[in-house]
Amino acid sequence: MNGLGVTYLSTWLAGDALRSGRLEVVPIATPAEDAPITALWPRSRDLAPKVRVVVDALVEAFMPIHLIDS
């Protein structure tokens, strides 16, 4: 949309735009498990608490688990 390029979005987020034809599906060769997740928000001294909650939830849900060697 608006010529901004290619993105990897959840269907719940892109569903309306896909149904209306504003977005189209582009097949990718990379499995979904390897796709990075990026969160962007405006730089501000007063970060909205709801933004912090969402970012923290994303980090907890998708951060790779690193095993510690004993």
PDB file of N, CA and C in Angstrom:
ATOM      1  N   MET A   1       0.849  -1.169   0.000  1.00  0.00           N
ATOM      2  CA  MET A   1       0.000   0.000   0.000  1.00  0.00           C
ATOM      3  C   MET A   1       0.897   1.234   0.000  1.00  0.00           C
ATOM      4  N   ASN A   2       0.544   2.179  -0.774  1.00  0.00           N
ATOM      5  CA  ASN A   2       1.312   3.424  -0.887  1.00  0.00           C
ATOM      6  C   ASN A   2       2.732   3.200  -1.386  1.00  0.00           C
ATOM      7  N   GLY A   3       2.997   2.059  -2.053  1.00  0.00           N
ATOM      8  CA  GLY A   3       4.322   1.816  -2.622  1.00  0.00           C
ATOM      9  C   GLY A   3       5.422   1.650  -1.605  1.00  0.00           C
ATOM     10  N   LEU A   4       5.110   1.189  -0.401  1.00  0.00           N
ATOM     11  CA  LEU A   4       6.114   1.101   0.652  1.00  0.00           C
ATOM     12  C   LEU A   4       6.917  -0.187   0.638  1.00  0.00           C
ATOM     13  N   GLY A   5       6.600  -1.131  -0.226  1.00  0.00           N
ATOM     14  CA  GLY A   5       7.414  -2.332  -0.330  1.00  0.00           C
ATOM     15  C   GLY A   5       6.698  -3.583   0.118  1.00  0.00           C
ATOM     16  N   VAL A   6       7.479  -4.560   0.545  1.00  0.00           N
ATOM     17  CA  VAL A   6       6.981  -5.874   0.917  1.00  0.00           C
ATOM     18  C   VAL A   6       7.083  -6.017   2.431  1.00  0.00           C
ATOM     19  N   THR A   7       6.101  -6.657   3.025  1.00  0.00           N
ATOM     20  CA  THR A   7       6.114  -6.890   4.463  1.00  0.00           C
ATOM     21  C   THR A   7       5.573  -8.270   4.761  1.00  0.00           C
ATOM     22  N   TYR A   8       5.812  -8.734   5.957  1.00  0.00           N
ATOM     23  CA  TYR A   8       5.328 -10.031   6.417  1.00  0.00           C
ATOM     24  C   TYR A   8       4.324  -9.737   7.525  1.00  0.00           C
ATOM     25  N   LEU A   9       3.040  -9.891   7.234  1.00  0.00           N
ATOM     26  CA  LEU A   9       1.991  -9.532   8.185  1.00  0.00           C
ATOM     27  C   LEU A   9       1.120 -10.725   8.532  1.00  0.00           C
ATOM     28  N   SER A  10       0.556 -10.684   9.712  1.00  0.00           N
ATOM     29  CA  SER A  10      -0.435 -11.689  10.106  1.00  0.00           C
ATOM     30  C   SER A  10      -1.711 -11.468   9.312  1.00  0.00           C
ATOM     31  N   THR A  11      -2.443 -12.555   9.064  1.00  0.00           N
ATOM     32  CA  THR A  11      -3.678 -12.423   8.296  1.00  0.00           C
ATOM     33  C   THR A  11      -4.710 -11.570   9.027  1.00  0.00           C
ATOM     34  N   TRP A  12      -4.713 -11.586  10.373  1.00  0.00           N
ATOM     35  CA  TRP A  12      -5.689 -10.766  11.090  1.00  0.00           C
ATOM     36  C   TRP A  12      -5.416  -9.280  10.870  1.00  0.00           C
ATOM     37  N   LEU A  13      -4.174  -8.928  10.630  1.00  0.00           N
ATOM     38  CA  LEU A  13      -3.821  -7.529  10.416  1.00  0.00           C
ATOM     39  C   LEU A  13      -4.027  -7.104   8.964  1.00  0.00           C
ATOM     40  N   ALA A  14      -3.758  -8.005   8.030  1.00  0.00           N
ATOM     41  CA  ALA A  14      -3.821  -7.662   6.614  1.00  0.00           C
ATOM     42  C   ALA A  14      -5.102  -8.127   5.935  1.00  0.00           C
ATOM     43  N   GLY A  15      -5.966  -8.832   6.649  1.00  0.00           N
ATOM     44  CA  GLY A  15      -7.145  -9.445   6.044  1.00  0.00           C
ATOM     45  C   GLY A  15      -8.018  -8.506   5.245  1.00  0.00           C
ATOM     46  N   ASP A  16      -8.369  -7.366   5.810  1.00  0.00           N
ATOM     47  CA  ASP A  16      -9.242  -6.413   5.100  1.00  0.00           C
ATOM     48  C   ASP A  16      -8.591  -5.909   3.814  1.00  0.00           C
ATOM     49  N   ALA A  17      -7.296  -5.585   3.895  1.00  0.00           N
ATOM     50  CA  ALA A  17      -6.589  -5.074   2.714  1.00  0.00           C
ATOM     51  C   ALA A  17      -6.429  -6.163   1.657  1.00  0.00           C
ATOM     52  N   LEU A  18      -6.257  -7.410   2.073  1.00  0.00           N
ATOM     53  CA  LEU A  18      -6.179  -8.522   1.110  1.00  0.00           C
ATOM     54  C   LEU A  18      -7.515  -8.721   0.419  1.00  0.00           C
ATOM     55  N   ARG A  19      -8.605  -8.722   1.201  1.00  0.00           N
ATOM     56  CA  ARG A  19      -9.942  -8.917   0.619  1.00  0.00           C
ATOM     57  C   ARG A  19     -10.317  -7.798  -0.347  1.00  0.00           C
ATOM     58  N   SER A  20      -9.903  -6.585  -0.040  1.00  0.00           N
ATOM     59  CA  SER A  20     -10.259  -5.451  -0.900  1.00  0.00           C
ATOM     60  C   SER A  20      -9.338  -5.315  -2.111  1.00  0.00           C
ATOM     61  N   GLY A  21      -8.234  -6.059  -2.117  1.00  0.00           N
ATOM     62  CA  GLY A  21      -7.291  -5.970  -3.231  1.00  0.00           C
ATOM     63  C   GLY A  21      -6.235  -4.899  -3.059  1.00  0.00           C
ATOM     64  N   ARG A  22      -6.213  -4.206  -1.917  1.00  0.00           N
ATOM     65  CA  ARG A  22      -5.184  -3.189  -1.679  1.00  0.00           C
ATOM     66  C   ARG A  22      -3.825  -3.817  -1.415  1.00  0.00           C
ATOM     67  N   LEU A  23      -3.833  -5.070  -0.944  1.00  0.00           N
ATOM     68  CA  LEU A  23      -2.606  -5.846  -0.761  1.00  0.00           C
ATOM     69  C   LEU A  23      -2.751  -7.153  -1.509  1.00  0.00           C
ATOM     70  N   GLU A  24      -1.628  -7.741  -1.873  1.00  0.00           N
ATOM     71  CA  GLU A  24      -1.658  -9.062  -2.495  1.00  0.00           C
ATOM     72  C   GLU A  24      -0.617  -9.945  -1.841  1.00  0.00           C
ATOM     73  N   VAL A  25      -0.865 -11.237  -1.854  1.00  0.00           N
ATOM     74  CA  VAL A  25       0.048 -12.209  -1.265  1.00  0.00           C
ATOM     75  C   VAL A  25       1.215 -12.449  -2.211  1.00  0.00           C
ATOM     76  N   VAL A  26       2.415 -12.420  -1.669  1.00  0.00           N
ATOM     77  CA  VAL A  26       3.629 -12.728  -2.420  1.00  0.00           C
ATOM     78  C   VAL A  26       4.247 -13.957  -1.767  1.00  0.00           C
ATOM     79  N   PRO A  27       4.294 -15.085  -2.478  1.00  0.00           N
ATOM     80  CA  PRO A  27       4.882 -16.292  -1.891  1.00  0.00           C
ATOM     81  C   PRO A  27       6.351 -16.076  -1.559  1.00  0.00           C
ATOM     82  N   ILE A  28       6.779 -16.622  -0.424  1.00  0.00           N
ATOM     83  CA  ILE A  28       8.182 -16.515  -0.032  1.00  0.00           C
ATOM     84  C   ILE A  28       8.763 -17.910   0.151  1.00  0.00           C
ATOM     85  N   ALA A  29      10.062 -18.015  -0.038  1.00  0.00           N
ATOM     86  CA  ALA A  29      10.730 -19.302   0.099  1.00  0.00           C
ATOM     87  C   ALA A  29      11.146 -19.579   1.537  1.00  0.00           C
ATOM     88  N   THR A  30      11.218 -18.546   2.358  1.00  0.00           N
ATOM     89  CA  THR A  30      11.652 -18.694   3.738  1.00  0.00           C
ATOM     90  C   THR A  30      10.506 -19.192   4.605  1.00  0.00           C
ATOM     91  N   PRO A  31      10.717 -20.241   5.378  1.00  0.00           N
ATOM     92  CA  PRO A  31       9.663 -20.700   6.288  1.00  0.00           C
ATOM     93  C   PRO A  31       9.324 -19.627   7.320  1.00  0.00           C
ATOM     94  N   ALA A  32       8.098 -19.606   7.767  1.00  0.00           N
ATOM     95  CA  ALA A  32       7.642 -18.594   8.723  1.00  0.00           C
ATOM     96  C   ALA A  32       8.468 -18.606  10.003  1.00  0.00           C
ATOM     97  N   GLU A  33       8.991 -19.764  10.396  1.00  0.00           N
ATOM     98  CA  GLU A  33       9.762 -19.837  11.636  1.00  0.00           C
ATOM     99  C   GLU A  33      11.030 -19.001  11.578  1.00  0.00           C
ATOM    100  N   ASP A  34      11.527 -18.728  10.375  1.00  0.00           N
ATOM    101  CA  ASP A  34      12.765 -17.972  10.225  1.00  0.00           C
ATOM    102  C   ASP A  34      12.534 -16.484   9.972  1.00  0.00           C
ATOM    103  N   ALA A  35      11.284 -16.058   9.898  1.00  0.00           N
ATOM    104  CA  ALA A  35      10.991 -14.668   9.569  1.00  0.00           C
ATOM    105  C   ALA A  35      11.192 -13.784  10.798  1.00  0.00           C
ATOM    106  N   PRO A  36      11.943 -12.693  10.648  1.00  0.00           N
ATOM    107  CA  PRO A  36      12.141 -11.794  11.787  1.00  0.00           C
ATOM    108  C   PRO A  36      10.872 -11.006  12.096  1.00  0.00           C
ATOM    109  N   ILE A  37      10.761 -10.573  13.315  1.00  0.00           N
ATOM    110  CA  ILE A  37       9.649  -9.722  13.738  1.00  0.00           C
ATOM    111  C   ILE A  37      10.249  -8.394  14.165  1.00  0.00           C
ATOM    112  N   THR A  38       9.708  -7.305  13.637  1.00  0.00           N
ATOM    113  CA  THR A  38      10.196  -5.973  13.952  1.00  0.00           C
ATOM    114  C   THR A  38       9.052  -5.129  14.471  1.00  0.00           C
ATOM    115  N   ALA A  39       9.286  -4.428  15.554  1.00  0.00           N
ATOM    116  CA  ALA A  39       8.287  -3.511  16.096  1.00  0.00           C
ATOM    117  C   ALA A  39       8.853  -2.093  15.999  1.00  0.00           C
ATOM    118  N   LEU A  40       8.092  -1.209  15.407  1.00  0.00           N
ATOM    119  CA  LEU A  40       8.492   0.197  15.275  1.00  0.00           C
ATOM    120  C   LEU A  40       7.469   1.078  15.955  1.00  0.00           C
ATOM    121  N   TRP A  41       7.925   2.111  16.625  1.00  0.00           N
ATOM    122  CA  TRP A  41       7.019   3.072  17.230  1.00  0.00           C
ATOM    123  C   TRP A  41       7.691   4.432  17.216  1.00  0.00           C
ATOM    124  N   PRO A  42       6.911   5.499  17.291  1.00  0.00           N
ATOM    125  CA  PRO A  42       7.494   6.840  17.245  1.00  0.00           C
ATOM    126  C   PRO A  42       8.411   7.089  18.447  1.00  0.00           C
ATOM    127  N   ARG A  43       9.500   7.759  18.199  1.00  0.00           N
ATOM    128  CA  ARG A  43      10.409   8.124  19.288  1.00  0.00           C
ATOM    129  C   ARG A  43       9.727   9.193  20.148  1.00  0.00           C
ATOM    130  N   SER A  44       9.672   8.932  21.428  1.00  0.00           N
ATOM    131  CA  SER A  44       8.995   9.862  22.322  1.00  0.00           C
ATOM    132  C   SER A  44       9.510   9.669  23.739  1.00  0.00           C
ATOM    133  N   ARG A  45       9.569  10.737  24.482  1.00  0.00           N
ATOM    134  CA  ARG A  45       9.948  10.634  25.896  1.00  0.00           C
ATOM    135  C   ARG A  45       8.833   9.958  26.685  1.00  0.00           C
ATOM    136  N   ASP A  46       7.604  10.115  26.234  1.00  0.00           N
ATOM    137  CA  ASP A  46       6.436   9.578  26.934  1.00  0.00           C
ATOM    138  C   ASP A  46       5.853   8.417  26.142  1.00  0.00           C
ATOM    139  N   LEU A  47       6.512   7.262  26.216  1.00  0.00           N
ATOM    140  CA  LEU A  47       6.031   6.082  25.521  1.00  0.00           C
ATOM    141  C   LEU A  47       4.729   5.614  26.168  1.00  0.00           C
ATOM    142  N   ALA A  48       3.709   5.432  25.361  1.00  0.00           N
ATOM    143  CA  ALA A  48       2.419   4.981  25.875  1.00  0.00           C
ATOM    144  C   ALA A  48       2.583   3.611  26.527  1.00  0.00           C
ATOM    145  N   PRO A  49       2.042   3.419  27.714  1.00  0.00           N
ATOM    146  CA  PRO A  49       2.168   2.124  28.397  1.00  0.00           C
ATOM    147  C   PRO A  49       1.660   0.952  27.549  1.00  0.00           C
ATOM    148  N   LYS A  50       0.619   1.174  26.753  1.00  0.00           N
ATOM    149  CA  LYS A  50       0.096   0.077  25.938  1.00  0.00           C
ATOM    150  C   LYS A  50       1.115  -0.351  24.883  1.00  0.00           C
ATOM    151  N   VAL A  51       1.938   0.563  24.387  1.00  0.00           N
ATOM    152  CA  VAL A  51       2.979   0.213  23.415  1.00  0.00           C
ATOM    153  C   VAL A  51       4.043  -0.642  24.102  1.00  0.00           C
ATOM    154  N   ARG A  52       4.458  -0.250  25.286  1.00  0.00           N
ATOM    155  CA  ARG A  52       5.455  -1.013  26.040  1.00  0.00           C
ATOM    156  C   ARG A  52       4.953  -2.424  26.331  1.00  0.00           C
ATOM    157  N   VAL A  53       3.682  -2.562  26.683  1.00  0.00           N
ATOM    158  CA  VAL A  53       3.092  -3.871  26.973  1.00  0.00           C
ATOM    159  C   VAL A  53       3.137  -4.766  25.732  1.00  0.00           C
ATOM    160  N   VAL A  54       2.780  -4.212  24.580  1.00  0.00           N
ATOM    161  CA  VAL A  54       2.784  -4.998  23.340  1.00  0.00           C
ATOM    162  C   VAL A  54       4.204  -5.416  22.974  1.00  0.00           C
ATOM    163  N   VAL A  55       5.148  -4.502  23.047  1.00  0.00           N
ATOM    164  CA  VAL A  55       6.531  -4.827  22.704  1.00  0.00           C
ATOM    165  C   VAL A  55       7.073  -5.888  23.660  1.00  0.00           C
ATOM    166  N   ASP A  56       6.822  -5.742  24.944  1.00  0.00           N
ATOM    167  CA  ASP A  56       7.275  -6.742  25.912  1.00  0.00           C
ATOM    168  C   ASP A  56       6.651  -8.105  25.635  1.00  0.00           C
ATOM    169  N   ALA A  57       5.383  -8.147  25.261  1.00  0.00           N
ATOM    170  CA  ALA A  57       4.711  -9.411  24.947  1.00  0.00           C
ATOM    171  C   ALA A  57       5.312 -10.051  23.699  1.00  0.00           C
ATOM    172  N   LEU A  58       5.632  -9.241  22.686  1.00  0.00           N
ATOM    173  CA  LEU A  58       6.264  -9.771  21.480  1.00  0.00           C
ATOM    174  C   LEU A  58       7.639 -10.353  21.786  1.00  0.00           C
ATOM    175  N   VAL A  59       8.409  -9.638  22.582  1.00  0.00           N
ATOM    176  CA  VAL A  59       9.743 -10.127  22.945  1.00  0.00           C
ATOM    177  C   VAL A  59       9.619 -11.450  23.685  1.00  0.00           C
ATOM    178  N   GLU A  60       8.712 -11.526  24.643  1.00  0.00           N
ATOM    179  CA  GLU A  60       8.550 -12.753  25.418  1.00  0.00           C
ATOM    180  C   GLU A  60       8.081 -13.914  24.535  1.00  0.00           C
ATOM    181  N   ALA A  61       7.187 -13.636  23.607  1.00  0.00           N
ATOM    182  CA  ALA A  61       6.620 -14.704  22.772  1.00  0.00           C
ATOM    183  C   ALA A  61       7.568 -15.177  21.672  1.00  0.00           C
ATOM    184  N   PHE A  62       8.395 -14.276  21.142  1.00  0.00           N
ATOM    185  CA  PHE A  62       9.159 -14.623  19.951  1.00  0.00           C
ATOM    186  C   PHE A  62      10.669 -14.585  20.107  1.00  0.00           C
ATOM    187  N   MET A  63      11.184 -14.182  21.249  1.00  0.00           N
ATOM    188  CA  MET A  63      12.631 -14.133  21.451  1.00  0.00           C
ATOM    189  C   MET A  63      13.181 -15.554  21.423  1.00  0.00           C
ATOM    190  N   PRO A  64      14.253 -15.774  20.660  1.00  0.00           N
ATOM    191  CA  PRO A  64      14.841 -17.120  20.636  1.00  0.00           C
ATOM    192  C   PRO A  64      15.303 -17.528  22.033  1.00  0.00           C
ATOM    193  N   ILE A  65      15.172 -18.799  22.333  1.00  0.00           N
ATOM    194  CA  ILE A  65      15.627 -19.319  23.608  1.00  0.00           C
ATOM    195  C   ILE A  65      17.069 -19.768  23.423  1.00  0.00           C
ATOM    196  N   HIS A  66      17.963 -19.198  24.228  1.00  0.00           N
ATOM    197  CA  HIS A  66      19.370 -19.569  24.170  1.00  0.00           C
ATOM    198  C   HIS A  66      19.676 -20.486  25.348  1.00  0.00           C
ATOM    199  N   LEU A  67      20.146 -21.669  25.046  1.00  0.00           N
ATOM    200  CA  LEU A  67      20.490 -22.616  26.094  1.00  0.00           C
ATOM    201  C   LEU A  67      21.872 -22.304  26.622  1.00  0.00           C
ATOM    202  N   ILE A  68      22.027 -22.401  27.916  1.00  0.00           N
ATOM    203  CA  ILE A  68      23.313 -22.139  28.551  1.00  0.00           C
ATOM    204  C   ILE A  68      24.050 -23.474  28.667  1.00  0.00           C
ATOM    205  N   ASP A  69      25.295 -23.499  28.169  1.00  0.00           N
ATOM    206  CA  ASP A  69      26.115 -24.712  28.273  1.00  0.00           C
ATOM    207  C   ASP A  69      26.555 -24.895  29.723  1.00  0.00           C
ATOM    208  N   SER A  70      26.416 -26.105  30.221  1.00  0.00           N
ATOM    209  CA  SER A  70      26.832 -26.388  31.608  1.00  0.00           C
ATOM    210  C   SER A  70      28.246 -26.893  31.632  1.00  0.00           C
TER     211      SER A  70
END
